[in-house]
Amino acid sequence: MRKVALSLLMMSALILSSMPASQAGLNAQINLDNPRAVPIFGQGGPSEVSSMAGWSGFLYSPRIVFSAAHSHYRFDSNGDRILVEPAYITVGKPNSSTKDGEGRAKVIKTFVGDYKKSSTGWTLNDFIVLVLDRDLADVSPAKLMTAEIEAELVKARAGVDWHGYGEYRDRCDPGQKNPCPEDRNNPNKSPSELPRINKSNLAPKSDFTWLQGQGLIELANETLLTNLSGCPGDSGGGLTTTYKGEVIYVGQGISTGMNFYACGATNAPANEKHPREMGFISPVFKHLDLIKQAEEFIAQQAGPKKSTASKTASSITCVKGKVSKKVSGPNAKCPKGYKKK
């Protein structure tokens, strides 16, 4: 069962070359440099093993994965949020092949904040934290972007990398009109077997002079991006950048956007880059409370550590004449014929 990034459907198109839109392709390259890029699978049950990732994720720590809320929820005609995730969700090992079912961990808990639909139709706070039933890999918690770091990166229009398991070539055939149907039987038009890299740039709101009024207000706390590329299924992939020599996590792959080309999944009104191309994400520092809840949930599962002192206190010595015997246990008592010393 494959999840398509729902918010991509509201985009118009960014043409990546002078070719007709139906022939333009992303052709994102396979890249295994991100040791935290993971495929996420929606399955009907534990016996089902999907060979196609439904969406993408970022392994924050051994049992915690960051991803896109829109892969788990949709909104009805009244704007109310509805859960639509599969009954059984698993996560593959970092950079693993989607055809490799070994080592996948099950999602047992999710934490989502105020994921909502704005009055202008954009989805805000598009971020979700997944908790796995066991450690997926031996990794330390990733470095996270802070509000202070974000200000520096946006001012510098920093480049960001986005690793995802989504489609990577145009789903349209020459002559087809966008949007074009997905073709899972064509290996060049289905989700990628391995993670591929997309690149974009953070951008200050002043770069989008046309963004005004209510739209500007609603995006006040979102991080804007430009020079976009991406395909359905890349959603949830970790957006990362290098800050002072360290790779840091910025947010999940483009939450939503407009006027950029999405591998044939959306319409293409022009044969050149659209002047109002824009994407945005919900920065990770807005969701530290969700990460804390996930960590507390894992700690509660582990339970309190048993005290060594209490074990010692439950050990007694029993005697019968000149014979002594030590008995241990939470309700230790002497056997018949013995007395407690």
C-alpha atoms as a PDB file:
ATOM      1  CA  MET A   1       0.000   0.000   0.000  1.00  0.00           C
ATOM      2  CA  ARG A   2       1.729   3.121  -1.147  1.00  0.00           C
ATOM      3  CA  LYS A   3       1.286   6.601   0.275  1.00  0.00           C
ATOM      4  CA  VAL A   4       1.582   9.449  -2.225  1.00  0.00           C
ATOM      5  CA  ALA A   5       2.468  12.853  -0.843  1.00  0.00           C
ATOM      6  CA  LEU A   6      -1.001  14.386  -0.755  1.00  0.00           C
ATOM      7  CA  SER A   7       0.119  17.977  -0.623  1.00  0.00           C
ATOM      8  CA  LEU A   8       2.056  17.647  -3.878  1.00  0.00           C
ATOM      9  CA  LEU A   9      -1.282  17.473  -5.685  1.00  0.00           C
ATOM     10  CA  MET A  10      -1.885  21.191  -5.076  1.00  0.00           C
ATOM     11  CA  MET A  11       1.275  22.247  -6.909  1.00  0.00           C
ATOM     12  CA  SER A  12       1.495  23.489 -10.430  1.00  0.00           C
ATOM     13  CA  ALA A  13       4.751  22.814 -12.283  1.00  0.00           C
ATOM     14  CA  LEU A  14       8.423  23.643 -12.446  1.00  0.00           C
ATOM     15  CA  ILE A  15       9.988  22.647 -15.754  1.00  0.00           C
ATOM     16  CA  LEU A  16      13.513  21.369 -15.365  1.00  0.00           C
ATOM     17  CA  SER A  17      14.626  21.935 -18.966  1.00  0.00           C
ATOM     18  CA  SER A  18      13.464  23.365 -22.275  1.00  0.00           C
ATOM     19  CA  MET A  19      11.873  20.021 -23.158  1.00  0.00           C
ATOM     20  CA  PRO A  20       8.086  19.676 -23.099  1.00  0.00           C
ATOM     21  CA  ALA A  21       6.812  19.146 -19.582  1.00  0.00           C
ATOM     22  CA  SER A  22       5.712  15.600 -20.262  1.00  0.00           C
ATOM     23  CA  GLN A  23       9.306  14.660 -21.112  1.00  0.00           C
ATOM     24  CA  ALA A  24      11.081  16.506 -18.308  1.00  0.00           C
ATOM     25  CA  GLY A  25      12.591  14.179 -15.739  1.00  0.00           C
ATOM     26  CA  LEU A  26      14.095  14.636 -12.325  1.00  0.00           C
ATOM     27  CA  ASN A  27      16.571  11.774 -12.742  1.00  0.00           C
ATOM     28  CA  ALA A  28      17.754  12.198  -9.162  1.00  0.00           C
ATOM     29  CA  GLN A  29      20.923  10.256  -8.483  1.00  0.00           C
ATOM     30  CA  ILE A  30      21.227   7.382  -6.020  1.00  0.00           C
ATOM     31  CA  ASN A  31      23.086   8.654  -2.963  1.00  0.00           C
ATOM     32  CA  LEU A  32      23.963   6.707   0.181  1.00  0.00           C
ATOM     33  CA  ASP A  33      25.834   9.495   2.000  1.00  0.00           C
ATOM     34  CA  ASN A  34      23.078  10.089   4.537  1.00  0.00           C
ATOM     35  CA  PRO A  35      23.336   7.296   7.145  1.00  0.00           C
ATOM     36  CA  ARG A  36      19.866   8.141   8.449  1.00  0.00           C
ATOM     37  CA  ALA A  37      17.733   7.937   5.285  1.00  0.00           C
ATOM     38  CA  VAL A  38      15.125   5.205   5.770  1.00  0.00           C
ATOM     39  CA  PRO A  39      12.247   3.782   3.692  1.00  0.00           C
ATOM     40  CA  ILE A  40       8.795   3.548   5.275  1.00  0.00           C
ATOM     41  CA  PHE A  41       6.296   0.875   4.262  1.00  0.00           C
ATOM     42  CA  GLY A  42       2.540   0.779   4.718  1.00  0.00           C
ATOM     43  CA  GLN A  43       1.357  -2.819   4.977  1.00  0.00           C
ATOM     44  CA  GLY A  44      -1.862  -4.670   5.586  1.00  0.00           C
ATOM     45  CA  GLY A  45      -0.360  -6.886   8.281  1.00  0.00           C
ATOM     46  CA  PRO A  46       2.824  -8.454   9.668  1.00  0.00           C
ATOM     47  CA  SER A  47       2.902 -11.210   7.047  1.00  0.00           C
ATOM     48  CA  GLU A  48       2.840  -8.749   4.160  1.00  0.00           C
ATOM     49  CA  VAL A  49       6.245  -7.580   2.908  1.00  0.00           C
ATOM     50  CA  SER A  50       6.061  -4.600   0.578  1.00  0.00           C
ATOM     51  CA  SER A  51       8.776  -4.132  -2.048  1.00  0.00           C
ATOM     52  CA  MET A  52       7.970  -0.455  -2.553  1.00  0.00           C
ATOM     53  CA  ALA A  53       8.482   2.277  -0.004  1.00  0.00           C
ATOM     54  CA  GLY A  54       5.341   4.294   0.553  1.00  0.00           C
ATOM     55  CA  TRP A  55       7.207   7.330   1.824  1.00  0.00           C
ATOM     56  CA  SER A  56      10.511   8.313   3.418  1.00  0.00           C
ATOM     57  CA  GLY A  57      11.913   9.059   6.848  1.00  0.00           C
ATOM     58  CA  PHE A  58      14.925  10.248   8.852  1.00  0.00           C
ATOM     59  CA  LEU A  59      16.360   8.130  11.669  1.00  0.00           C
ATOM     60  CA  TYR A  60      16.891  10.563  14.549  1.00  0.00           C
ATOM     61  CA  SER A  61      17.982   7.979  17.129  1.00  0.00           C
ATOM     62  CA  PRO A  62      17.928   4.153  17.302  1.00  0.00           C
ATOM     63  CA  ARG A  63      14.131   3.948  17.793  1.00  0.00           C
ATOM     64  CA  ILE A  64      12.878   7.369  16.663  1.00  0.00           C
ATOM     65  CA  VAL A  65      12.112   8.358  13.062  1.00  0.00           C
ATOM     66  CA  PHE A  66      11.012  11.778  11.775  1.00  0.00           C
ATOM     67  CA  SER A  67       8.632  11.916   8.814  1.00  0.00           C
ATOM     68  CA  ALA A  68       5.716  13.735   7.189  1.00  0.00           C
ATOM     69  CA  ALA A  69       2.362  14.031   8.927  1.00  0.00           C
ATOM     70  CA  HIS A  70       0.606  14.178   5.555  1.00  0.00           C
ATOM     71  CA  SER A  71       1.602  10.560   4.949  1.00  0.00           C
ATOM     72  CA  HIS A  72      -0.561   9.607   7.937  1.00  0.00           C
ATOM     73  CA  TYR A  73      -3.421  12.129   7.791  1.00  0.00           C
ATOM     74  CA  ARG A  74      -5.648  13.915   5.322  1.00  0.00           C
ATOM     75  CA  PHE A  75      -8.282  16.640   5.698  1.00  0.00           C
ATOM     76  CA  ASP A  76     -11.978  16.326   4.914  1.00  0.00           C
ATOM     77  CA  SER A  77     -14.118  18.960   3.230  1.00  0.00           C
ATOM     78  CA  ASN A  78     -14.577  20.724   6.561  1.00  0.00           C
ATOM     79  CA  GLY A  79     -10.844  20.939   7.128  1.00  0.00           C
ATOM     80  CA  ASP A  80     -10.913  18.339   9.909  1.00  0.00           C
ATOM     81  CA  ARG A  81      -7.911  16.059  10.223  1.00  0.00           C
ATOM     82  CA  ILE A  82      -8.535  12.355   9.565  1.00  0.00           C
ATOM     83  CA  LEU A  83      -6.149   9.477  10.226  1.00  0.00           C
ATOM     84  CA  VAL A  84      -5.564   7.429   7.060  1.00  0.00           C
ATOM     85  CA  GLU A  85      -2.357   5.537   7.823  1.00  0.00           C
ATOM     86  CA  PRO A  86      -2.085   1.804   7.069  1.00  0.00           C
ATOM     87  CA  ALA A  87      -2.797  -0.693   9.824  1.00  0.00           C
ATOM     88  CA  TYR A  88       0.793  -1.885   9.897  1.00  0.00           C
ATOM     89  CA  ILE A  89       3.804   0.383   9.278  1.00  0.00           C
ATOM     90  CA  THR A  90       7.424  -0.745   9.148  1.00  0.00           C
ATOM     91  CA  VAL A  91      10.701   1.083   8.633  1.00  0.00           C
ATOM     92  CA  GLY A  92      13.679  -0.342   6.756  1.00  0.00           C
ATOM     93  CA  LYS A  93      17.297   0.038   7.757  1.00  0.00           C
ATOM     94  CA  PRO A  94      19.175   3.193   6.683  1.00  0.00           C
ATOM     95  CA  ASN A  95      19.954   3.240   2.965  1.00  0.00           C
ATOM     96  CA  SER A  96      18.538  -0.257   2.579  1.00  0.00           C
ATOM     97  CA  SER A  97      16.970  -1.581  -0.590  1.00  0.00           C
ATOM     98  CA  THR A  98      13.188  -1.551  -0.573  1.00  0.00           C
ATOM     99  CA  LYS A  99      13.362  -5.128  -1.845  1.00  0.00           C
ATOM    100  CA  ASP A 100      15.131  -6.190   1.353  1.00  0.00           C
ATOM    101  CA  GLY A 101      12.582  -7.129   3.997  1.00  0.00           C
ATOM    102  CA  GLU A 102      15.167  -8.143   6.592  1.00  0.00           C
ATOM    103  CA  GLY A 103      15.644  -6.024   9.678  1.00  0.00           C
ATOM    104  CA  ARG A 104      12.573  -3.826   9.323  1.00  0.00           C
ATOM    105  CA  ALA A 105      11.202  -2.455  12.576  1.00  0.00           C
ATOM    106  CA  LYS A 106       7.518  -1.919  13.332  1.00  0.00           C
ATOM    107  CA  VAL A 107       6.074   1.487  14.197  1.00  0.00           C
ATOM    108  CA  ILE A 108       4.279   1.143  17.541  1.00  0.00           C
ATOM    109  CA  LYS A 109       3.539   4.776  18.389  1.00  0.00           C
ATOM    110  CA  THR A 110       3.297   8.131  16.617  1.00  0.00           C
ATOM    111  CA  PHE A 111       3.369  11.685  17.947  1.00  0.00           C
ATOM    112  CA  VAL A 112       1.952  14.562  15.916  1.00  0.00           C
ATOM    113  CA  GLY A 113       1.380  18.185  16.897  1.00  0.00           C
ATOM    114  CA  ASP A 114      -0.913  20.832  15.464  1.00  0.00           C
ATOM    115  CA  TYR A 115      -0.870  19.544  11.908  1.00  0.00           C
ATOM    116  CA  LYS A 116      -3.588  21.584  10.226  1.00  0.00           C
ATOM    117  CA  LYS A 117      -4.912  23.048   7.025  1.00  0.00           C
ATOM    118  CA  SER A 118      -4.692  26.818   6.702  1.00  0.00           C
ATOM    119  CA  SER A 119      -7.343  29.115   5.288  1.00  0.00           C
ATOM    120  CA  THR A 120      -5.303  29.396   2.083  1.00  0.00           C
ATOM    121  CA  GLY A 121      -5.229  25.607   1.681  1.00  0.00           C
ATOM    122  CA  TRP A 122      -1.654  24.988   2.798  1.00  0.00           C
ATOM    123  CA  THR A 123      -0.865  22.341   5.388  1.00  0.00           C
ATOM    124  CA  LEU A 124       1.110  23.644   8.364  1.00  0.00           C
ATOM    125  CA  ASN A 125       3.189  21.924  11.064  1.00  0.00           C
ATOM    126  CA  ASP A 126       3.655  18.945   8.757  1.00  0.00           C
ATOM    127  CA  PHE A 127       5.840  16.819  11.029  1.00  0.00           C
ATOM    128  CA  ILE A 128       5.409  13.482  12.775  1.00  0.00           C
ATOM    129  CA  VAL A 129       7.566  11.384  15.105  1.00  0.00           C
ATOM    130  CA  LEU A 130       7.465   7.592  14.798  1.00  0.00           C
ATOM    131  CA  VAL A 131       8.571   5.231  17.567  1.00  0.00           C
ATOM    132  CA  LEU A 132       9.838   1.776  16.614  1.00  0.00           C
ATOM    133  CA  ASP A 133       9.460  -1.475  18.533  1.00  0.00           C
ATOM    134  CA  ARG A 134      13.243  -1.880  18.719  1.00  0.00           C
ATOM    135  CA  ASP A 135      16.538  -0.266  17.744  1.00  0.00           C
ATOM    136  CA  LEU A 136      16.897   0.058  13.980  1.00  0.00           C
ATOM    137  CA  ALA A 137      20.561   1.078  13.952  1.00  0.00           C
ATOM    138  CA  ASP A 138      23.270   2.058  16.411  1.00  0.00           C
ATOM    139  CA  VAL A 139      23.261   5.843  15.998  1.00  0.00           C
ATOM    140  CA  SER A 140      23.551   8.798  18.361  1.00  0.00           C
ATOM    141  CA  PRO A 141      20.754  11.403  18.353  1.00  0.00           C
ATOM    142  CA  ALA A 142      21.155  13.639  15.312  1.00  0.00           C
ATOM    143  CA  LYS A 143      22.110  17.304  15.595  1.00  0.00           C
ATOM    144  CA  LEU A 144      19.057  19.530  15.149  1.00  0.00           C
ATOM    145  CA  MET A 145      18.629  23.004  13.708  1.00  0.00           C
ATOM    146  CA  THR A 146      17.750  25.683  16.271  1.00  0.00           C
ATOM    147  CA  ALA A 147      15.897  28.934  15.635  1.00  0.00           C
ATOM    148  CA  GLU A 148      19.192  30.819  15.905  1.00  0.00           C
ATOM    149  CA  ILE A 149      20.892  28.547  13.373  1.00  0.00           C
ATOM    150  CA  GLU A 150      17.887  28.815  11.065  1.00  0.00           C
ATOM    151  CA  ALA A 151      18.265  32.605  10.956  1.00  0.00           C
ATOM    152  CA  GLU A 152      21.893  32.246   9.836  1.00  0.00           C
ATOM    153  CA  LEU A 153      21.109  29.585   7.239  1.00  0.00           C
ATOM    154  CA  VAL A 154      18.174  31.473   5.733  1.00  0.00           C
ATOM    155  CA  LYS A 155      20.191  34.680   5.499  1.00  0.00           C
ATOM    156  CA  ALA A 156      22.911  32.754   3.658  1.00  0.00           C
ATOM    157  CA  ARG A 157      20.368  30.978   1.456  1.00  0.00           C
ATOM    158  CA  ALA A 158      22.052  27.756   2.482  1.00  0.00           C
ATOM    159  CA  GLY A 159      21.812  24.667   0.337  1.00  0.00           C
ATOM    160  CA  VAL A 160      20.011  21.647   1.739  1.00  0.00           C
ATOM    161  CA  ASP A 161      20.034  17.972   0.788  1.00  0.00           C
ATOM    162  CA  TRP A 162      16.933  15.828   0.717  1.00  0.00           C
ATOM    163  CA  HIS A 163      17.178  12.032   0.563  1.00  0.00           C
ATOM    164  CA  GLY A 164      14.027  10.145  -0.341  1.00  0.00           C
ATOM    165  CA  TYR A 165      12.686   6.889  -1.748  1.00  0.00           C
ATOM    166  CA  GLY A 166      10.077   8.477  -4.005  1.00  0.00           C
ATOM    167  CA  GLU A 167       9.681   8.423  -7.774  1.00  0.00           C
ATOM    168  CA  TYR A 168      12.766   9.727  -9.503  1.00  0.00           C
ATOM    169  CA  ARG A 169      11.825   9.954 -13.183  1.00  0.00           C
ATOM    170  CA  ASP A 170       8.980  11.637 -14.951  1.00  0.00           C
ATOM    171  CA  ARG A 171       5.883   9.440 -14.822  1.00  0.00           C
ATOM    172  CA  CYS A 172       4.658  10.962 -18.098  1.00  0.00           C
ATOM    173  CA  ASP A 173       5.336   9.544 -21.539  1.00  0.00           C
ATOM    174  CA  PRO A 174       6.011  11.949 -24.440  1.00  0.00           C
ATOM    175  CA  GLY A 175       2.760  13.521 -25.505  1.00  0.00           C
ATOM    176  CA  GLN A 176       0.928  12.809 -22.250  1.00  0.00           C
ATOM    177  CA  LYS A 177      -0.706  15.663 -20.413  1.00  0.00           C
ATOM    178  CA  ASN A 178       0.086  16.261 -16.755  1.00  0.00           C
ATOM    179  CA  PRO A 179      -0.828  14.976 -14.266  1.00  0.00           C
ATOM    180  CA  CYS A 180       0.029  11.479 -15.462  1.00  0.00           C
ATOM    181  CA  PRO A 181      -0.928   8.193 -13.808  1.00  0.00           C
ATOM    182  CA  GLU A 182       1.555   6.229 -11.755  1.00  0.00           C
ATOM    183  CA  ASP A 183       2.882   3.101 -13.435  1.00  0.00           C
ATOM    184  CA  ARG A 184       4.225   0.676 -10.863  1.00  0.00           C
ATOM    185  CA  ASN A 185       5.017  -1.927 -13.526  1.00  0.00           C
ATOM    186  CA  ASN A 186       7.540   0.384 -15.165  1.00  0.00           C
ATOM    187  CA  PRO A 187      10.783   0.387 -13.101  1.00  0.00           C
ATOM    188  CA  ASN A 188      11.593   3.893 -14.343  1.00  0.00           C
ATOM    189  CA  LYS A 189       8.251   5.248 -13.146  1.00  0.00           C
ATOM    190  CA  SER A 190       7.882   3.650  -9.741  1.00  0.00           C
ATOM    191  CA  PRO A 191       9.373   4.524  -6.344  1.00  0.00           C
ATOM    192  CA  SER A 192      13.120   4.171  -6.084  1.00  0.00           C
ATOM    193  CA  GLU A 193      14.714   1.039  -4.661  1.00  0.00           C
ATOM    194  CA  LEU A 194      17.459   3.105  -2.992  1.00  0.00           C
ATOM    195  CA  PRO A 195      17.458   6.672  -1.639  1.00  0.00           C
ATOM    196  CA  ARG A 196      18.136   9.462  -4.098  1.00  0.00           C
ATOM    197  CA  ILE A 197      19.306  12.984  -3.406  1.00  0.00           C
ATOM    198  CA  ASN A 198      17.459  16.200  -4.216  1.00  0.00           C
ATOM    199  CA  LYS A 199      18.841  19.669  -3.555  1.00  0.00           C
ATOM    200  CA  SER A 200      17.187  22.943  -2.691  1.00  0.00           C
ATOM    201  CA  ASN A 201      17.929  26.191  -0.858  1.00  0.00           C
ATOM    202  CA  LEU A 202      16.540  27.867   2.202  1.00  0.00           C
ATOM    203  CA  ALA A 203      15.293  31.343   1.359  1.00  0.00           C
ATOM    204  CA  PRO A 204      14.216  34.485   3.244  1.00  0.00           C
ATOM    205  CA  LYS A 205      10.617  35.547   2.880  1.00  0.00           C
ATOM    206  CA  SER A 206      11.821  38.713   1.142  1.00  0.00           C
ATOM    207  CA  ASP A 207      12.688  36.544  -1.879  1.00  0.00           C
ATOM    208  CA  PHE A 208       8.983  35.931  -2.414  1.00  0.00           C
ATOM    209  CA  THR A 209       7.709  39.465  -3.004  1.00  0.00           C
ATOM    210  CA  TRP A 210       4.389  38.145  -4.236  1.00  0.00           C
ATOM    211  CA  LEU A 211       3.753  36.382  -0.898  1.00  0.00           C
ATOM    212  CA  GLN A 212       1.590  38.874   0.965  1.00  0.00           C
ATOM    213  CA  GLY A 213      -1.454  39.213   3.199  1.00  0.00           C
ATOM    214  CA  GLN A 214      -2.932  36.114   4.812  1.00  0.00           C
ATOM    215  CA  GLY A 215      -0.509  33.795   3.061  1.00  0.00           C
ATOM    216  CA  LEU A 216       2.473  35.607   4.557  1.00  0.00           C
ATOM    217  CA  ILE A 217       0.886  35.508   8.006  1.00  0.00           C
ATOM    218  CA  GLU A 218       0.203  31.777   7.802  1.00  0.00           C
ATOM    219  CA  LEU A 219       3.752  31.000   6.740  1.00  0.00           C
ATOM    220  CA  ALA A 220       5.351  33.212   9.389  1.00  0.00           C
ATOM    221  CA  ASN A 221       6.621  30.209  11.366  1.00  0.00           C
ATOM    222  CA  GLU A 222       7.454  27.960   8.419  1.00  0.00           C
ATOM    223  CA  THR A 223      10.843  27.760   6.695  1.00  0.00           C
ATOM    224  CA  LEU A 224      10.697  28.644   2.996  1.00  0.00           C
ATOM    225  CA  LEU A 225      12.630  26.959   0.193  1.00  0.00           C
ATOM    226  CA  THR A 226      13.361  27.584  -3.447  1.00  0.00           C
ATOM    227  CA  ASN A 227      15.100  25.800  -6.354  1.00  0.00           C
ATOM    228  CA  LEU A 228      12.840  22.867  -5.673  1.00  0.00           C
ATOM    229  CA  SER A 229      12.907  19.310  -6.851  1.00  0.00           C
ATOM    230  CA  GLY A 230      11.139  16.277  -5.539  1.00  0.00           C
ATOM    231  CA  CYS A 231       8.667  13.574  -6.387  1.00  0.00           C
ATOM    232  CA  PRO A 232       5.733  11.802  -4.740  1.00  0.00           C
ATOM    233  CA  GLY A 233       7.062   9.427  -2.108  1.00  0.00           C
ATOM    234  CA  ASP A 234      10.029  11.628  -1.182  1.00  0.00           C
ATOM    235  CA  SER A 235       7.903  13.198   1.545  1.00  0.00           C
ATOM    236  CA  GLY A 236       9.300  12.668   5.022  1.00  0.00           C
ATOM    237  CA  GLY A 237      12.886  12.345   3.820  1.00  0.00           C
ATOM    238  CA  GLY A 238      15.245  14.306   6.047  1.00  0.00           C
ATOM    239  CA  LEU A 239      16.249  17.775   4.918  1.00  0.00           C
ATOM    240  CA  THR A 240      19.846  18.290   6.095  1.00  0.00           C
ATOM    241  CA  THR A 241      22.636  20.816   5.722  1.00  0.00           C
ATOM    242  CA  THR A 242      26.169  21.309   6.987  1.00  0.00           C
ATOM    243  CA  TYR A 243      26.614  23.902   9.733  1.00  0.00           C
ATOM    244  CA  LYS A 244      30.085  24.624  11.115  1.00  0.00           C
ATOM    245  CA  GLY A 245      31.364  21.318   9.851  1.00  0.00           C
ATOM    246  CA  GLU A 246      28.485  19.217  11.222  1.00  0.00           C
ATOM    247  CA  VAL A 247      25.505  17.759   9.402  1.00  0.00           C
ATOM    248  CA  ILE A 248      22.301  18.945  11.054  1.00  0.00           C
ATOM    249  CA  TYR A 249      18.653  18.051  10.528  1.00  0.00           C
ATOM    250  CA  VAL A 250      16.495  20.956   9.324  1.00  0.00           C
ATOM    251  CA  GLY A 251      13.039  19.437   8.865  1.00  0.00           C
ATOM    252  CA  GLN A 252      11.169  16.837   6.851  1.00  0.00           C
ATOM    253  CA  GLY A 253      11.262  16.989   3.053  1.00  0.00           C
ATOM    254  CA  ILE A 254       9.078  19.707   1.522  1.00  0.00           C
ATOM    255  CA  SER A 255       5.785  19.825   3.415  1.00  0.00           C
ATOM    256  CA  THR A 256       3.935  21.518   0.625  1.00  0.00           C
ATOM    257  CA  GLY A 257       4.577  23.970  -2.140  1.00  0.00           C
ATOM    258  CA  MET A 258       3.356  25.522  -5.330  1.00  0.00           C
ATOM    259  CA  ASN A 259       4.404  26.133  -8.897  1.00  0.00           C
ATOM    260  CA  PHE A 260       7.119  23.533  -9.131  1.00  0.00           C
ATOM    261  CA  TYR A 261       7.288  20.415 -11.246  1.00  0.00           C
ATOM    262  CA  ALA A 262       6.784  17.124  -9.413  1.00  0.00           C
ATOM    263  CA  CYS A 263       7.810  14.372 -11.827  1.00  0.00           C
ATOM    264  CA  GLY A 264       4.586  14.460 -13.800  1.00  0.00           C
ATOM    265  CA  ALA A 265       2.329  14.318 -10.747  1.00  0.00           C
ATOM    266  CA  THR A 266       1.069  17.867 -11.264  1.00  0.00           C
ATOM    267  CA  ASN A 267       0.110  20.168 -14.090  1.00  0.00           C
ATOM    268  CA  ALA A 268       2.696  22.135 -16.037  1.00  0.00           C
ATOM    269  CA  PRO A 269       1.359  25.524 -17.172  1.00  0.00           C
ATOM    270  CA  ALA A 270       4.680  26.792 -18.578  1.00  0.00           C
ATOM    271  CA  ASN A 271       7.838  25.498 -20.235  1.00  0.00           C
ATOM    272  CA  GLU A 272      10.166  27.298 -17.870  1.00  0.00           C
ATOM    273  CA  LYS A 273      10.730  27.724 -14.156  1.00  0.00           C
ATOM    274  CA  HIS A 274       7.681  29.359 -12.646  1.00  0.00           C
ATOM    275  CA  PRO A 275       8.341  32.833 -11.182  1.00  0.00           C
ATOM    276  CA  ARG A 276       6.280  31.971  -8.119  1.00  0.00           C
ATOM    277  CA  GLU A 277       7.862  28.639  -7.278  1.00  0.00           C
ATOM    278  CA  MET A 278       7.935  28.057  -3.544  1.00  0.00           C
ATOM    279  CA  GLY A 279       8.064  25.292  -0.966  1.00  0.00           C
ATOM    280  CA  PHE A 280       8.144  25.277   2.800  1.00  0.00           C
ATOM    281  CA  ILE A 281       8.762  23.031   5.778  1.00  0.00           C
ATOM    282  CA  SER A 282       7.965  23.055   9.458  1.00  0.00           C
ATOM    283  CA  PRO A 283      11.377  23.480  11.165  1.00  0.00           C
ATOM    284  CA  VAL A 284      12.351  20.801  13.651  1.00  0.00           C
ATOM    285  CA  PHE A 285      12.811  23.168  16.582  1.00  0.00           C
ATOM    286  CA  LYS A 286       9.037  23.704  16.625  1.00  0.00           C
ATOM    287  CA  HIS A 287       8.561  20.028  17.491  1.00  0.00           C
ATOM    288  CA  LEU A 288      10.957  19.373  20.342  1.00  0.00           C
ATOM    289  CA  ASP A 289       7.978  18.540  22.568  1.00  0.00           C
ATOM    290  CA  LEU A 290       7.056  15.631  20.279  1.00  0.00           C
ATOM    291  CA  ILE A 291      10.609  14.306  20.391  1.00  0.00           C
ATOM    292  CA  LYS A 292      10.569  14.522  24.194  1.00  0.00           C
ATOM    293  CA  GLN A 293       7.265  12.627  24.347  1.00  0.00           C
ATOM    294  CA  ALA A 294       8.709   9.901  22.137  1.00  0.00           C
ATOM    295  CA  GLU A 295      11.796   9.596  24.333  1.00  0.00           C
ATOM    296  CA  GLU A 296       9.668   9.426  27.479  1.00  0.00           C
ATOM    297  CA  PHE A 297       7.502   6.730  25.901  1.00  0.00           C
ATOM    298  CA  ILE A 298      10.586   4.615  25.177  1.00  0.00           C
ATOM    299  CA  ALA A 299      11.880   5.135  28.714  1.00  0.00           C
ATOM    300  CA  GLN A 300       8.543   4.045  30.203  1.00  0.00           C
ATOM    301  CA  GLN A 301       8.591   0.895  28.111  1.00  0.00           C
ATOM    302  CA  ALA A 302      11.969  -0.038  29.540  1.00  0.00           C
ATOM    303  CA  GLY A 303      10.520   0.272  33.056  1.00  0.00           C
ATOM    304  CA  PRO A 304      12.348   1.046  36.306  1.00  0.00           C
ATOM    305  CA  LYS A 305      15.652  -0.686  36.898  1.00  0.00           C
ATOM    306  CA  LYS A 306      15.569  -3.341  39.579  1.00  0.00           C
ATOM    307  CA  SER A 307      17.568  -2.459  42.640  1.00  0.00           C
ATOM    308  CA  THR A 308      20.507  -4.688  43.525  1.00  0.00           C
ATOM    309  CA  ALA A 309      19.930  -3.871  47.183  1.00  0.00           C
ATOM    310  CA  SER A 310      16.403  -5.267  47.094  1.00  0.00           C
ATOM    311  CA  LYS A 311      17.689  -8.500  45.598  1.00  0.00           C
ATOM    312  CA  THR A 312      20.191  -8.837  48.434  1.00  0.00           C
ATOM    313  CA  ALA A 313      17.543  -8.118  51.039  1.00  0.00           C
ATOM    314  CA  SER A 314      15.388 -10.974  49.714  1.00  0.00           C
ATOM    315  CA  SER A 315      18.095 -13.554  50.463  1.00  0.00           C
ATOM    316  CA  ILE A 316      17.870 -15.444  53.817  1.00  0.00           C
ATOM    317  CA  THR A 317      19.880 -18.140  55.563  1.00  0.00           C
ATOM    318  CA  CYS A 318      18.093 -21.189  56.938  1.00  0.00           C
ATOM    319  CA  VAL A 319      19.541 -23.773  59.385  1.00  0.00           C
ATOM    320  CA  LYS A 320      18.703 -27.364  60.369  1.00  0.00           C
ATOM    321  CA  GLY A 321      21.063 -28.579  63.055  1.00  0.00           C
ATOM    322  CA  LYS A 322      24.556 -28.021  61.674  1.00  0.00           C
ATOM    323  CA  VAL A 323      23.320 -27.673  58.115  1.00  0.00           C
ATOM    324  CA  SER A 324      22.729 -24.183  56.709  1.00  0.00           C
ATOM    325  CA  LYS A 325      21.112 -23.226  53.429  1.00  0.00           C
ATOM    326  CA  LYS A 326      20.742 -19.850  51.681  1.00  0.00           C
ATOM    327  CA  VAL A 327      17.351 -19.153  50.054  1.00  0.00           C
ATOM    328  CA  SER A 328      16.802 -16.246  47.652  1.00  0.00           C
ATOM    329  CA  GLY A 329      13.747 -14.709  46.062  1.00  0.00           C
ATOM    330  CA  PRO A 330      11.196 -11.937  46.560  1.00  0.00           C
ATOM    331  CA  ASN A 331       9.212 -14.143  49.009  1.00  0.00           C
ATOM    332  CA  ALA A 332      12.079 -16.248  50.336  1.00  0.00           C
ATOM    333  CA  LYS A 333      11.215 -18.628  53.175  1.00  0.00           C
ATOM    334  CA  CYS A 334      12.880 -21.603  54.755  1.00  0.00           C
ATOM    335  CA  PRO A 335      12.007 -25.114  53.589  1.00  0.00           C
ATOM    336  CA  LYS A 336      10.229 -27.549  55.869  1.00  0.00           C
ATOM    337  CA  GLY A 337      12.388 -28.549  58.852  1.00  0.00           C
ATOM    338  CA  TYR A 338      14.624 -25.468  58.557  1.00  0.00           C
ATOM    339  CA  LYS A 339      14.550 -22.350  60.645  1.00  0.00           C
ATOM    340  CA  LYS A 340      15.563 -18.851  59.639  1.00  0.00           C
ATOM    341  CA  LYS A 341      18.923 -17.954  61.131  1.00  0.00           C
END
